[in-house]
Amino acid sequence: MTDVKARKTQLMSRLKELDSRLHLIEGQLDDPRPSDWEEAAGEREGDEVLESLGTQGEAEIRRISAALQRMRDGTYGACVTCGETISEERLNILPDTPFRKSCAKAH
């Protein structure tokens, strides 16, 4: 049986970590650009990496928020596709997953 309180603590901790990381990324993206063309080109490549990390972080925040909502609804740990119980092993690895392994393959 899933310990929802422990999972909630884990997810809230991850949310806090992601929020801090996204604020750092935003700050780095807002830094002034160098006037040297080569340096600016290198900075732009770095910005693309930061933007990608930011996008991934935002997607993870959405998944965590959805998992927290399922906890509030009392449906956490049940697959949103088939309703069957998501295995503890899977929740240990992906605590924000809404799918059983077999249903995730279809998405």
PDB file of N, CA and C in Angstrom:
ATOM      1  N   MET A   1       0.847  -1.187   0.000  1.00  0.00           N
ATOM      2  CA  MET A   1       0.000   0.000   0.000  1.00  0.00           C
ATOM      3  C   MET A   1       0.886   1.241   0.000  1.00  0.00           C
ATOM      4  N   THR A   2       0.562   2.186  -0.834  1.00  0.00           N
ATOM      5  CA  THR A   2       1.345   3.400  -0.969  1.00  0.00           C
ATOM      6  C   THR A   2       1.172   4.296   0.249  1.00  0.00           C
ATOM      7  N   ASP A   3       2.289   4.768   0.791  1.00  0.00           N
ATOM      8  CA  ASP A   3       2.286   5.731   1.880  1.00  0.00           C
ATOM      9  C   ASP A   3       2.148   7.117   1.256  1.00  0.00           C
ATOM     10  N   VAL A   4       0.911   7.578   1.129  1.00  0.00           N
ATOM     11  CA  VAL A   4       0.624   8.830   0.424  1.00  0.00           C
ATOM     12  C   VAL A   4       1.295  10.009   1.115  1.00  0.00           C
ATOM     13  N   LYS A   5       1.337  10.013   2.431  1.00  0.00           N
ATOM     14  CA  LYS A   5       1.956  11.132   3.159  1.00  0.00           C
ATOM     15  C   LYS A   5       3.438  11.234   2.824  1.00  0.00           C
ATOM     16  N   ALA A   6       4.131  10.096   2.775  1.00  0.00           N
ATOM     17  CA  ALA A   6       5.557  10.084   2.436  1.00  0.00           C
ATOM     18  C   ALA A   6       5.769  10.515   0.987  1.00  0.00           C
ATOM     19  N   ARG A   7       4.904  10.056   0.102  1.00  0.00           N
ATOM     20  CA  ARG A   7       5.001  10.449  -1.311  1.00  0.00           C
ATOM     21  C   ARG A   7       4.752  11.952  -1.456  1.00  0.00           C
ATOM     22  N   LYS A   8       3.788  12.468  -0.711  1.00  0.00           N
ATOM     23  CA  LYS A   8       3.492  13.898  -0.778  1.00  0.00           C
ATOM     24  C   LYS A   8       4.712  14.705  -0.327  1.00  0.00           C
ATOM     25  N   THR A   9       5.341  14.292   0.743  1.00  0.00           N
ATOM     26  CA  THR A   9       6.547  14.965   1.228  1.00  0.00           C
ATOM     27  C   THR A   9       7.633  14.929   0.161  1.00  0.00           C
ATOM     28  N   GLN A  10       7.808  13.776  -0.465  1.00  0.00           N
ATOM     29  CA  GLN A  10       8.802  13.610  -1.528  1.00  0.00           C
ATOM     30  C   GLN A  10       8.497  14.543  -2.702  1.00  0.00           C
ATOM     31  N   LEU A  11       7.250  14.593  -3.121  1.00  0.00           N
ATOM     32  CA  LEU A  11       6.857  15.432  -4.255  1.00  0.00           C
ATOM     33  C   LEU A  11       6.967  16.920  -3.917  1.00  0.00           C
ATOM     34  N   MET A  12       6.602  17.304  -2.704  1.00  0.00           N
ATOM     35  CA  MET A  12       6.715  18.709  -2.301  1.00  0.00           C
ATOM     36  C   MET A  12       8.183  19.138  -2.252  1.00  0.00           C
ATOM     37  N   SER A  13       9.044  18.252  -1.806  1.00  0.00           N
ATOM     38  CA  SER A  13      10.480  18.542  -1.784  1.00  0.00           C
ATOM     39  C   SER A  13      11.009  18.741  -3.197  1.00  0.00           C
ATOM     40  N   ARG A  14      10.580  17.888  -4.098  1.00  0.00           N
ATOM     41  CA  ARG A  14      11.010  18.007  -5.496  1.00  0.00           C
ATOM     42  C   ARG A  14      10.478  19.302  -6.117  1.00  0.00           C
ATOM     43  N   LEU A  15       9.242  19.681  -5.790  1.00  0.00           N
ATOM     44  CA  LEU A  15       8.674  20.932  -6.284  1.00  0.00           C
ATOM     45  C   LEU A  15       9.520  22.127  -5.843  1.00  0.00           C
ATOM     46  N   LYS A  16       9.929  22.115  -4.590  1.00  0.00           N
ATOM     47  CA  LYS A  16      10.752  23.198  -4.053  1.00  0.00           C
ATOM     48  C   LYS A  16      12.091  23.269  -4.789  1.00  0.00           C
ATOM     49  N   GLU A  17      12.678  22.109  -5.030  1.00  0.00           N
ATOM     50  CA  GLU A  17      13.950  22.026  -5.750  1.00  0.00           C
ATOM     51  C   GLU A  17      13.794  22.559  -7.180  1.00  0.00           C
ATOM     52  N   LEU A  18      12.730  22.153  -7.852  1.00  0.00           N
ATOM     53  CA  LEU A  18      12.488  22.617  -9.219  1.00  0.00           C
ATOM     54  C   LEU A  18      12.237  24.117  -9.267  1.00  0.00           C
ATOM     55  N   ASP A  19      11.489  24.621  -8.315  1.00  0.00           N
ATOM     56  CA  ASP A  19      11.202  26.055  -8.264  1.00  0.00           C
ATOM     57  C   ASP A  19      12.512  26.843  -8.123  1.00  0.00           C
ATOM     58  N   SER A  20      13.383  26.405  -7.243  1.00  0.00           N
ATOM     59  CA  SER A  20      14.679  27.071  -7.073  1.00  0.00           C
ATOM     60  C   SER A  20      15.487  27.024  -8.361  1.00  0.00           C
ATOM     61  N   ARG A  21      15.506  25.862  -8.999  1.00  0.00           N
ATOM     62  CA  ARG A  21      16.271  25.706 -10.229  1.00  0.00           C
ATOM     63  C   ARG A  21      15.725  26.606 -11.336  1.00  0.00           C
ATOM     64  N   LEU A  22      14.401  26.668 -11.459  1.00  0.00           N
ATOM     65  CA  LEU A  22      13.804  27.501 -12.505  1.00  0.00           C
ATOM     66  C   LEU A  22      14.081  28.985 -12.267  1.00  0.00           C
ATOM     67  N   HIS A  23      14.102  29.403 -11.009  1.00  0.00           N
ATOM     68  CA  HIS A  23      14.443  30.803 -10.721  1.00  0.00           C
ATOM     69  C   HIS A  23      15.890  31.097 -11.109  1.00  0.00           C
ATOM     70  N   LEU A  24      16.794  30.156 -10.863  1.00  0.00           N
ATOM     71  CA  LEU A  24      18.191  30.340 -11.276  1.00  0.00           C
ATOM     72  C   LEU A  24      18.307  30.432 -12.791  1.00  0.00           C
ATOM     73  N   ILE A  25      17.597  29.557 -13.482  1.00  0.00           N
ATOM     74  CA  ILE A  25      17.630  29.556 -14.944  1.00  0.00           C
ATOM     75  C   ILE A  25      17.110  30.884 -15.484  1.00  0.00           C
ATOM     76  N   GLU A  26      15.981  31.343 -14.935  1.00  0.00           N
ATOM     77  CA  GLU A  26      15.426  32.625 -15.379  1.00  0.00           C
ATOM     78  C   GLU A  26      16.422  33.763 -15.163  1.00  0.00           C
ATOM     79  N   GLY A  27      17.093  33.730 -14.018  1.00  0.00           N
ATOM     80  CA  GLY A  27      18.085  34.759 -13.730  1.00  0.00           C
ATOM     81  C   GLY A  27      19.238  34.728 -14.722  1.00  0.00           C
ATOM     82  N   GLN A  28      19.693  33.538 -15.059  1.00  0.00           N
ATOM     83  CA  GLN A  28      20.793  33.409 -16.018  1.00  0.00           C
ATOM     84  C   GLN A  28      20.365  33.854 -17.407  1.00  0.00           C
ATOM     85  N   LEU A  29      19.121  33.563 -17.782  1.00  0.00           N
ATOM     86  CA  LEU A  29      18.635  33.971 -19.099  1.00  0.00           C
ATOM     87  C   LEU A  29      18.451  35.484 -19.185  1.00  0.00           C
ATOM     88  N   ASP A  30      18.226  36.128 -18.038  1.00  0.00           N
ATOM     89  CA  ASP A  30      18.039  37.578 -18.010  1.00  0.00           C
ATOM     90  C   ASP A  30      19.348  38.356 -17.933  1.00  0.00           C
ATOM     91  N   ASP A  31      20.478  37.658 -17.726  1.00  0.00           N
ATOM     92  CA  ASP A  31      21.771  38.336 -17.643  1.00  0.00           C
ATOM     93  C   ASP A  31      22.065  39.085 -18.943  1.00  0.00           C
ATOM     94  N   PRO A  32      22.768  40.221 -18.854  1.00  0.00           N
ATOM     95  CA  PRO A  32      23.130  40.968 -20.067  1.00  0.00           C
ATOM     96  C   PRO A  32      24.008  40.130 -21.001  1.00  0.00           C
ATOM     97  N   ARG A  33      23.864  40.351 -22.288  1.00  0.00           N
ATOM     98  CA  ARG A  33      24.632  39.626 -23.299  1.00  0.00           C
ATOM     99  C   ARG A  33      25.963  40.317 -23.557  1.00  0.00           C
ATOM    100  N   PRO A  34      27.003  39.532 -23.825  1.00  0.00           N
ATOM    101  CA  PRO A  34      28.299  40.128 -24.174  1.00  0.00           C
ATOM    102  C   PRO A  34      28.218  40.827 -25.536  1.00  0.00           C
ATOM    103  N   SER A  35      29.043  41.847 -25.719  1.00  0.00           N
ATOM    104  CA  SER A  35      29.028  42.582 -26.995  1.00  0.00           C
ATOM    105  C   SER A  35      29.846  41.871 -28.067  1.00  0.00           C
ATOM    106  N   ASP A  36      30.775  41.023 -27.664  1.00  0.00           N
ATOM    107  CA  ASP A  36      31.589  40.267 -28.615  1.00  0.00           C
ATOM    108  C   ASP A  36      30.721  39.215 -29.305  1.00  0.00           C
ATOM    109  N   TRP A  37      30.753  39.177 -30.648  1.00  0.00           N
ATOM    110  CA  TRP A  37      29.893  38.288 -31.417  1.00  0.00           C
ATOM    111  C   TRP A  37      30.121  36.819 -31.061  1.00  0.00           C
ATOM    112  N   GLU A  38      31.384  36.389 -30.979  1.00  0.00           N
ATOM    113  CA  GLU A  38      31.670  34.978 -30.681  1.00  0.00           C
ATOM    114  C   GLU A  38      31.190  34.609 -29.287  1.00  0.00           C
ATOM    115  N   GLU A  39      31.416  35.490 -28.339  1.00  0.00           N
ATOM    116  CA  GLU A  39      30.944  35.223 -26.982  1.00  0.00           C
ATOM    117  C   GLU A  39      29.421  35.168 -26.955  1.00  0.00           C
ATOM    118  N   ALA A  40      28.792  36.083 -27.686  1.00  0.00           N
ATOM    119  CA  ALA A  40      27.330  36.108 -27.728  1.00  0.00           C
ATOM    120  C   ALA A  40      26.780  34.819 -28.338  1.00  0.00           C
ATOM    121  N   ALA A  41      27.447  34.305 -29.376  1.00  0.00           N
ATOM    122  CA  ALA A  41      27.010  33.054 -30.000  1.00  0.00           C
ATOM    123  C   ALA A  41      27.118  31.900 -29.004  1.00  0.00           C
ATOM    124  N   GLY A  42      28.208  31.861 -28.266  1.00  0.00           N
ATOM    125  CA  GLY A  42      28.378  30.826 -27.240  1.00  0.00           C
ATOM    126  C   GLY A  42      27.326  30.948 -26.149  1.00  0.00           C
ATOM    127  N   GLU A  43      27.034  32.193 -25.754  1.00  0.00           N
ATOM    128  CA  GLU A  43      25.995  32.434 -24.748  1.00  0.00           C
ATOM    129  C   GLU A  43      24.636  31.949 -25.244  1.00  0.00           C
ATOM    130  N   ARG A  44      24.353  32.173 -26.528  1.00  0.00           N
ATOM    131  CA  ARG A  44      23.067  31.765 -27.094  1.00  0.00           C
ATOM    132  C   ARG A  44      22.912  30.242 -27.049  1.00  0.00           C
ATOM    133  N   GLU A  45      23.990  29.538 -27.341  1.00  0.00           N
ATOM    134  CA  GLU A  45      23.941  28.073 -27.239  1.00  0.00           C
ATOM    135  C   GLU A  45      23.647  27.659 -25.808  1.00  0.00           C
ATOM    136  N   GLY A  46      24.287  28.321 -24.863  1.00  0.00           N
ATOM    137  CA  GLY A  46      24.027  28.033 -23.451  1.00  0.00           C
ATOM    138  C   GLY A  46      22.588  28.344 -23.069  1.00  0.00           C
ATOM    139  N   ASP A  47      22.060  29.446 -23.628  1.00  0.00           N
ATOM    140  CA  ASP A  47      20.672  29.814 -23.359  1.00  0.00           C
ATOM    141  C   ASP A  47      19.709  28.750 -23.858  1.00  0.00           C
ATOM    142  N   GLU A  48      20.013  28.166 -25.020  1.00  0.00           N
ATOM    143  CA  GLU A  48      19.147  27.119 -25.559  1.00  0.00           C
ATOM    144  C   GLU A  48      19.108  25.917 -24.628  1.00  0.00           C
ATOM    145  N   VAL A  49      20.255  25.585 -24.055  1.00  0.00           N
ATOM    146  CA  VAL A  49      20.304  24.481 -23.091  1.00  0.00           C
ATOM    147  C   VAL A  49      19.485  24.847 -21.855  1.00  0.00           C
ATOM    148  N   LEU A  50      19.668  26.064 -21.359  1.00  0.00           N
ATOM    149  CA  LEU A  50      18.922  26.505 -20.179  1.00  0.00           C
ATOM    150  C   LEU A  50      17.415  26.516 -20.450  1.00  0.00           C
ATOM    151  N   GLU A  51      17.023  26.983 -21.620  1.00  0.00           N
ATOM    152  CA  GLU A  51      15.606  26.998 -21.965  1.00  0.00           C
ATOM    153  C   GLU A  51      15.028  25.591 -22.010  1.00  0.00           C
ATOM    154  N   SER A  52      15.805  24.654 -22.536  1.00  0.00           N
ATOM    155  CA  SER A  52      15.363  23.264 -22.587  1.00  0.00           C
ATOM    156  C   SER A  52      15.202  22.700 -21.168  1.00  0.00           C
ATOM    157  N   LEU A  53      16.173  22.999 -20.309  1.00  0.00           N
ATOM    158  CA  LEU A  53      16.076  22.548 -18.918  1.00  0.00           C
ATOM    159  C   LEU A  53      14.868  23.173 -18.231  1.00  0.00           C
ATOM    160  N   GLY A  54      14.614  24.448 -18.535  1.00  0.00           N
ATOM    161  CA  GLY A  54      13.454  25.115 -17.966  1.00  0.00           C
ATOM    162  C   GLY A  54      12.154  24.483 -18.421  1.00  0.00           C
ATOM    163  N   THR A  55      12.071  24.152 -19.692  1.00  0.00           N
ATOM    164  CA  THR A  55      10.873  23.519 -20.238  1.00  0.00           C
ATOM    165  C   THR A  55      10.652  22.151 -19.591  1.00  0.00           C
ATOM    166  N   GLN A  56      11.725  21.391 -19.433  1.00  0.00           N
ATOM    167  CA  GLN A  56      11.620  20.082 -18.786  1.00  0.00           C
ATOM    168  C   GLN A  56      11.183  20.236 -17.336  1.00  0.00           C
ATOM    169  N   GLY A  57      11.733  21.238 -16.652  1.00  0.00           N
ATOM    170  CA  GLY A  57      11.354  21.489 -15.262  1.00  0.00           C
ATOM    171  C   GLY A  57       9.891  21.868 -15.136  1.00  0.00           C
ATOM    172  N   GLU A  58       9.413  22.715 -16.050  1.00  0.00           N
ATOM    173  CA  GLU A  58       8.004  23.109 -16.028  1.00  0.00           C
ATOM    174  C   GLU A  58       7.094  21.912 -16.266  1.00  0.00           C
ATOM    175  N   ALA A  59       7.490  21.018 -17.159  1.00  0.00           N
ATOM    176  CA  ALA A  59       6.694  19.812 -17.423  1.00  0.00           C
ATOM    177  C   ALA A  59       6.649  18.924 -16.178  1.00  0.00           C
ATOM    178  N   GLU A  60       7.778  18.811 -15.488  1.00  0.00           N
ATOM    179  CA  GLU A  60       7.803  17.999 -14.273  1.00  0.00           C
ATOM    180  C   GLU A  60       6.932  18.633 -13.187  1.00  0.00           C
ATOM    181  N   ILE A  61       6.942  19.958 -13.094  1.00  0.00           N
ATOM    182  CA  ILE A  61       6.096  20.648 -12.122  1.00  0.00           C
ATOM    183  C   ILE A  61       4.625  20.351 -12.408  1.00  0.00           C
ATOM    184  N   ARG A  62       4.232  20.360 -13.680  1.00  0.00           N
ATOM    185  CA  ARG A  62       2.846  20.036 -14.038  1.00  0.00           C
ATOM    186  C   ARG A  62       2.493  18.601 -13.630  1.00  0.00           C
ATOM    187  N   ARG A  63       3.433  17.660 -13.860  1.00  0.00           N
ATOM    188  CA  ARG A  63       3.166  16.255 -13.480  1.00  0.00           C
ATOM    189  C   ARG A  63       3.042  16.127 -11.960  1.00  0.00           C
ATOM    190  N   ILE A  64       3.907  16.815 -11.232  1.00  0.00           N
ATOM    191  CA  ILE A  64       3.851  16.750  -9.767  1.00  0.00           C
ATOM    192  C   ILE A  64       2.557  17.378  -9.266  1.00  0.00           C
ATOM    193  N   SER A  65       2.178  18.514  -9.821  1.00  0.00           N
ATOM    194  CA  SER A  65       0.929  19.171  -9.411  1.00  0.00           C
ATOM    195  C   SER A  65      -0.267  18.252  -9.654  1.00  0.00           C
ATOM    196  N   ALA A  66      -0.256  17.557 -10.778  1.00  0.00           N
ATOM    197  CA  ALA A  66      -1.336  16.612 -11.079  1.00  0.00           C
ATOM    198  C   ALA A  66      -1.343  15.460 -10.072  1.00  0.00           C
ATOM    199  N   ALA A  67      -0.163  14.971  -9.709  1.00  0.00           N
ATOM    200  CA  ALA A  67      -0.075  13.886  -8.723  1.00  0.00           C
ATOM    201  C   ALA A  67      -0.597  14.359  -7.366  1.00  0.00           C
ATOM    202  N   LEU A  68      -0.253  15.587  -6.977  1.00  0.00           N
ATOM    203  CA  LEU A  68      -0.744  16.128  -5.708  1.00  0.00           C
ATOM    204  C   LEU A  68      -2.262  16.281  -5.742  1.00  0.00           C
ATOM    205  N   GLN A  69      -2.804  16.650  -6.896  1.00  0.00           N
ATOM    206  CA  GLN A  69      -4.258  16.747  -7.027  1.00  0.00           C
ATOM    207  C   GLN A  69      -4.900  15.364  -6.892  1.00  0.00           C
ATOM    208  N   ARG A  70      -4.283  14.350  -7.487  1.00  0.00           N
ATOM    209  CA  ARG A  70      -4.811  12.985  -7.344  1.00  0.00           C
ATOM    210  C   ARG A  70      -4.773  12.559  -5.878  1.00  0.00           C
ATOM    211  N   MET A  71      -3.755  13.003  -5.140  1.00  0.00           N
ATOM    212  CA  MET A  71      -3.711  12.697  -3.703  1.00  0.00           C
ATOM    213  C   MET A  71      -4.902  13.333  -2.993  1.00  0.00           C
ATOM    214  N   ARG A  72      -5.176  14.596  -3.312  1.00  0.00           N
ATOM    215  CA  ARG A  72      -6.313  15.287  -2.695  1.00  0.00           C
ATOM    216  C   ARG A  72      -7.633  14.613  -3.067  1.00  0.00           C
ATOM    217  N   ASP A  73      -7.702  14.105  -4.294  1.00  0.00           N
ATOM    218  CA  ASP A  73      -8.919  13.443  -4.770  1.00  0.00           C
ATOM    219  C   ASP A  73      -9.054  12.013  -4.256  1.00  0.00           C
ATOM    220  N   GLY A  74      -7.972  11.481  -3.693  1.00  0.00           N
ATOM    221  CA  GLY A  74      -7.990  10.101  -3.213  1.00  0.00           C
ATOM    222  C   GLY A  74      -7.776   9.068  -4.300  1.00  0.00           C
ATOM    223  N   THR A  75      -7.254   9.495  -5.453  1.00  0.00           N
ATOM    224  CA  THR A  75      -7.039   8.566  -6.562  1.00  0.00           C
ATOM    225  C   THR A  75      -5.564   8.308  -6.843  1.00  0.00           C
ATOM    226  N   TYR A  76      -4.673   8.859  -6.010  1.00  0.00           N
ATOM    227  CA  TYR A  76      -3.242   8.656  -6.230  1.00  0.00           C
ATOM    228  C   TYR A  76      -2.913   7.170  -6.122  1.00  0.00           C
ATOM    229  N   GLY A  77      -2.097   6.703  -7.049  1.00  0.00           N
ATOM    230  CA  GLY A  77      -1.696   5.296  -7.056  1.00  0.00           C
ATOM    231  C   GLY A  77      -2.560   4.436  -7.954  1.00  0.00           C
ATOM    232  N   ALA A  78      -3.633   4.997  -8.474  1.00  0.00           N
ATOM    233  CA  ALA A  78      -4.488   4.278  -9.425  1.00  0.00           C
ATOM    234  C   ALA A  78      -4.203   4.839 -10.813  1.00  0.00           C
ATOM    235  N   CYS A  79      -4.063   3.961 -11.773  1.00  0.00           N
ATOM    236  CA  CYS A  79      -3.802   4.358 -13.155  1.00  0.00           C
ATOM    237  C   CYS A  79      -4.982   5.153 -13.698  1.00  0.00           C
ATOM    238  N   VAL A  80      -4.703   6.310 -14.293  1.00  0.00           N
ATOM    239  CA  VAL A  80      -5.787   7.143 -14.833  1.00  0.00           C
ATOM    240  C   VAL A  80      -6.398   6.543 -16.100  1.00  0.00           C
ATOM    241  N   THR A  81      -5.708   5.596 -16.702  1.00  0.00           N
ATOM    242  CA  THR A  81      -6.228   4.964 -17.916  1.00  0.00           C
ATOM    243  C   THR A  81      -7.139   3.782 -17.602  1.00  0.00           C
ATOM    244  N   CYS A  82      -6.637   2.862 -16.778  1.00  0.00           N
ATOM    245  CA  CYS A  82      -7.393   1.624 -16.543  1.00  0.00           C
ATOM    246  C   CYS A  82      -7.951   1.491 -15.127  1.00  0.00           C
ATOM    247  N   GLY A  83      -7.472   2.338 -14.210  1.00  0.00           N
ATOM    248  CA  GLY A  83      -7.963   2.276 -12.836  1.00  0.00           C
ATOM    249  C   GLY A  83      -7.272   1.267 -11.949  1.00  0.00           C
ATOM    250  N   GLU A  84      -6.424   0.440 -12.523  1.00  0.00           N
ATOM    251  CA  GLU A  84      -5.685  -0.548 -11.736  1.00  0.00           C
ATOM    252  C   GLU A  84      -4.612   0.147 -10.891  1.00  0.00           C
ATOM    253  N   THR A  85      -4.133  -0.543  -9.869  1.00  0.00           N
ATOM    254  CA  THR A  85      -3.121   0.013  -8.977  1.00  0.00           C
ATOM    255  C   THR A  85      -1.753   0.062  -9.664  1.00  0.00           C
ATOM    256  N   ILE A  86      -1.090   1.203  -9.524  1.00  0.00           N
ATOM    257  CA  ILE A  86       0.283   1.370 -10.033  1.00  0.00           C
ATOM    258  C   ILE A  86       1.211   0.698  -9.029  1.00  0.00           C
ATOM    259  N   SER A  87       2.156  -0.076  -9.513  1.00  0.00           N
ATOM    260  CA  SER A  87       3.039  -0.822  -8.608  1.00  0.00           C
ATOM    261  C   SER A  87       3.898   0.109  -7.756  1.00  0.00           C
ATOM    262  N   GLU A  88       4.199  -0.345  -6.550  1.00  0.00           N
ATOM    263  CA  GLU A  88       5.077   0.408  -5.646  1.00  0.00           C
ATOM    264  C   GLU A  88       6.437   0.655  -6.293  1.00  0.00           C
ATOM    265  N   GLU A  89       6.933  -0.362  -7.003  1.00  0.00           N
ATOM    266  CA  GLU A  89       8.230  -0.228  -7.657  1.00  0.00           C
ATOM    267  C   GLU A  89       8.212   0.934  -8.650  1.00  0.00           C
ATOM    268  N   ARG A  90       7.130   1.040  -9.412  1.00  0.00           N
ATOM    269  CA  ARG A  90       7.011   2.119 -10.395  1.00  0.00           C
ATOM    270  C   ARG A  90       6.888   3.472  -9.687  1.00  0.00           C
ATOM    271  N   LEU A  91       6.084   3.542  -8.628  1.00  0.00           N
ATOM    272  CA  LEU A  91       5.931   4.787  -7.881  1.00  0.00           C
ATOM    273  C   LEU A  91       7.228   5.185  -7.176  1.00  0.00           C
ATOM    274  N   ASN A  92       8.034   4.204  -6.808  1.00  0.00           N
ATOM    275  CA  ASN A  92       9.336   4.524  -6.206  1.00  0.00           C
ATOM    276  C   ASN A  92      10.230   5.251  -7.205  1.00  0.00           C
ATOM    277  N   ILE A  93      10.127   4.868  -8.466  1.00  0.00           N
ATOM    278  CA  ILE A  93      10.958   5.459  -9.513  1.00  0.00           C
ATOM    279  C   ILE A  93      10.325   6.738 -10.058  1.00  0.00           C
ATOM    280  N   LEU A  94       9.011   6.697 -10.269  1.00  0.00           N
ATOM    281  CA  LEU A  94       8.276   7.821 -10.863  1.00  0.00           C
ATOM    282  C   LEU A  94       7.088   8.184  -9.962  1.00  0.00           C
ATOM    283  N   PRO A  95       7.342   8.871  -8.862  1.00  0.00           N
ATOM    284  CA  PRO A  95       6.248   9.129  -7.914  1.00  0.00           C
ATOM    285  C   PRO A  95       5.127  10.003  -8.472  1.00  0.00           C
ATOM    286  N   ASP A  96       5.376  10.682  -9.597  1.00  0.00           N
ATOM    287  CA  ASP A  96       4.336  11.535 -10.181  1.00  0.00           C
ATOM    288  C   ASP A  96       3.595  10.871 -11.341  1.00  0.00           C
ATOM    289  N   THR A  97       3.905   9.612 -11.615  1.00  0.00           N
ATOM    290  CA  THR A  97       3.287   8.955 -12.774  1.00  0.00           C
ATOM    291  C   THR A  97       1.793   8.716 -12.564  1.00  0.00           C
ATOM    292  N   PRO A  98       1.003   8.958 -13.605  1.00  0.00           N
ATOM    293  CA  PRO A  98      -0.427   8.652 -13.523  1.00  0.00           C
ATOM    294  C   PRO A  98      -0.771   7.298 -14.158  1.00  0.00           C
ATOM    295  N   PHE A  99       0.246   6.589 -14.667  1.00  0.00           N
ATOM    296  CA  PHE A  99       0.003   5.369 -15.439  1.00  0.00           C
ATOM    297  C   PHE A  99       0.724   4.146 -14.883  1.00  0.00           C
ATOM    298  N   ARG A 100       0.075   2.980 -15.044  1.00  0.00           N
ATOM    299  CA  ARG A 100       0.769   1.713 -14.878  1.00  0.00           C
ATOM    300  C   ARG A 100       1.738   1.584 -16.039  1.00  0.00           C
ATOM    301  N   LYS A 101       2.724   0.738 -15.903  1.00  0.00           N
ATOM    302  CA  LYS A 101       3.738   0.576 -16.959  1.00  0.00           C
ATOM    303  C   LYS A 101       3.092   0.200 -18.295  1.00  0.00           C
ATOM    304  N   SER A 102       2.187  -0.755 -18.284  1.00  0.00           N
ATOM    305  CA  SER A 102       1.580  -1.202 -19.541  1.00  0.00           C
ATOM    306  C   SER A 102       0.730  -0.099 -20.185  1.00  0.00           C
ATOM    307  N   CYS A 103       0.083   0.722 -19.377  1.00  0.00           N
ATOM    308  CA  CYS A 103      -0.742   1.814 -19.936  1.00  0.00           C
ATOM    309  C   CYS A 103       0.139   2.973 -20.404  1.00  0.00           C
ATOM    310  N   ALA A 104       1.288   3.173 -19.785  1.00  0.00           N
ATOM    311  CA  ALA A 104       2.182   4.261 -20.175  1.00  0.00           C
ATOM    312  C   ALA A 104       2.730   4.037 -21.582  1.00  0.00           C
ATOM    313  N   LYS A 105       2.896   2.779 -21.962  1.00  0.00           N
ATOM    314  CA  LYS A 105       3.410   2.471 -23.292  1.00  0.00           C
ATOM    315  C   LYS A 105       2.457   2.943 -24.385  1.00  0.00           C
ATOM    316  N   ALA A 106       1.178   2.991 -24.072  1.00  0.00           N
ATOM    317  CA  ALA A 106       0.176   3.416 -25.054  1.00  0.00           C
ATOM    318  C   ALA A 106       0.121   4.936 -25.195  1.00  0.00           C
ATOM    319  N   HIS A 107       0.757   5.651 -24.259  1.00  0.00           N
ATOM    320  CA  HIS A 107       0.720   7.133 -24.305  1.00  0.00           C
ATOM    321  C   HIS A 107       1.979   7.699 -24.835  1.00  0.00           C
TER     322      HIS A 107
END
